[in-house]
Amino acid sequence: MAGLDGIIEPINFLITSIAFIFLSVVHYKKSGKTKETIYLSILSIIFLFSYLAIISVG
């Protein structure tokens, strides 16, 4: 959770990325390659890169 000072912990980006990866795999198995699956995959990549950017700076 974000504190009152507005700092978001990097682990939140990692957890969100893993969750989006899990959701995209489940959705891909259920529906195949759809726009929603691609969207979830792109979100997981964005959050993973955000996590990597934050830990490389700090």
C-alpha atoms as a PDB file:
ATOM      1  CA  MET A   1       0.000   0.000   0.000  1.00  0.00           C
ATOM      2  CA  ALA A   2       1.077   3.558  -0.599  1.00  0.00           C
ATOM      3  CA  GLY A   3       1.947   5.430   2.524  1.00  0.00           C
ATOM      4  CA  LEU A   4       0.802   8.907   3.336  1.00  0.00           C
ATOM      5  CA  ASP A   5       4.006  10.277   1.813  1.00  0.00           C
ATOM      6  CA  GLY A   6       3.040   9.005  -1.657  1.00  0.00           C
ATOM      7  CA  ILE A   7       5.849   6.465  -2.064  1.00  0.00           C
ATOM      8  CA  ILE A   8       4.837   3.243  -3.787  1.00  0.00           C
ATOM      9  CA  GLU A   9       6.928   0.237  -2.817  1.00  0.00           C
ATOM     10  CA  PRO A  10       8.587  -1.636  -5.713  1.00  0.00           C
ATOM     11  CA  ILE A  11       7.232  -4.987  -4.518  1.00  0.00           C
ATOM     12  CA  ASN A  12       3.736  -3.791  -5.443  1.00  0.00           C
ATOM     13  CA  PHE A  13       4.797  -3.538  -9.091  1.00  0.00           C
ATOM     14  CA  LEU A  14       6.255  -7.056  -8.970  1.00  0.00           C
ATOM     15  CA  ILE A  15       3.138  -8.543  -7.368  1.00  0.00           C
ATOM     16  CA  THR A  16       0.887  -6.781  -9.883  1.00  0.00           C
ATOM     17  CA  SER A  17       3.031  -7.989 -12.766  1.00  0.00           C
ATOM     18  CA  ILE A  18       2.886 -11.590 -11.549  1.00  0.00           C
ATOM     19  CA  ALA A  19      -0.879 -11.296 -11.145  1.00  0.00           C
ATOM     20  CA  PHE A  20      -1.289  -9.985 -14.708  1.00  0.00           C
ATOM     21  CA  ILE A  21       0.918 -12.804 -16.025  1.00  0.00           C
ATOM     22  CA  PHE A  22      -1.237 -15.345 -14.191  1.00  0.00           C
ATOM     23  CA  LEU A  23      -4.455 -13.759 -15.486  1.00  0.00           C
ATOM     24  CA  SER A  24      -3.188 -13.626 -19.061  1.00  0.00           C
ATOM     25  CA  VAL A  25      -2.183 -17.321 -18.968  1.00  0.00           C
ATOM     26  CA  VAL A  26      -5.569 -18.336 -17.557  1.00  0.00           C
ATOM     27  CA  HIS A  27      -7.408 -16.166 -20.088  1.00  0.00           C
ATOM     28  CA  TYR A  28      -5.288 -17.507 -22.950  1.00  0.00           C
ATOM     29  CA  LYS A  29      -6.095 -21.103 -21.982  1.00  0.00           C
ATOM     30  CA  LYS A  30      -9.789 -20.280 -21.753  1.00  0.00           C
ATOM     31  CA  SER A  31     -10.313 -18.007 -24.765  1.00  0.00           C
ATOM     32  CA  GLY A  32      -7.220 -18.211 -26.914  1.00  0.00           C
ATOM     33  CA  LYS A  33      -5.472 -15.182 -28.359  1.00  0.00           C
ATOM     34  CA  THR A  34      -7.905 -12.291 -27.976  1.00  0.00           C
ATOM     35  CA  LYS A  35      -7.569  -8.561 -27.494  1.00  0.00           C
ATOM     36  CA  GLU A  36      -8.033  -9.013 -23.768  1.00  0.00           C
ATOM     37  CA  THR A  37      -5.203 -11.549 -23.560  1.00  0.00           C
ATOM     38  CA  ILE A  38      -2.876  -9.217 -25.436  1.00  0.00           C
ATOM     39  CA  TYR A  39      -3.921  -6.322 -23.187  1.00  0.00           C
ATOM     40  CA  LEU A  40      -3.197  -8.326 -20.021  1.00  0.00           C
ATOM     41  CA  SER A  41       0.165  -9.397 -21.414  1.00  0.00           C
ATOM     42  CA  ILE A  42       1.113  -5.810 -22.243  1.00  0.00           C
ATOM     43  CA  LEU A  43       0.101  -4.697 -18.743  1.00  0.00           C
ATOM     44  CA  SER A  44       2.243  -7.401 -17.188  1.00  0.00           C
ATOM     45  CA  ILE A  45       5.243  -6.316 -19.261  1.00  0.00           C
ATOM     46  CA  ILE A  46       4.734  -2.653 -18.341  1.00  0.00           C
ATOM     47  CA  PHE A  47       4.523  -3.422 -14.625  1.00  0.00           C
ATOM     48  CA  LEU A  48       7.541  -5.753 -14.805  1.00  0.00           C
ATOM     49  CA  PHE A  49       9.620  -3.081 -16.551  1.00  0.00           C
ATOM     50  CA  SER A  50       8.430  -0.530 -13.990  1.00  0.00           C
ATOM     51  CA  TYR A  51       9.596  -2.806 -11.200  1.00  0.00           C
ATOM     52  CA  LEU A  52      12.970  -3.352 -12.853  1.00  0.00           C
ATOM     53  CA  ALA A  53      13.384   0.391 -13.442  1.00  0.00           C
ATOM     54  CA  ILE A  54      12.618   1.222  -9.830  1.00  0.00           C
ATOM     55  CA  ILE A  55      15.011  -1.337  -8.347  1.00  0.00           C
ATOM     56  CA  SER A  56      17.793  -0.375 -10.756  1.00  0.00           C
ATOM     57  CA  VAL A  57      17.549   3.302  -9.745  1.00  0.00           C
ATOM     58  CA  GLY A  58      17.121   2.800  -6.042  1.00  0.00           C
END
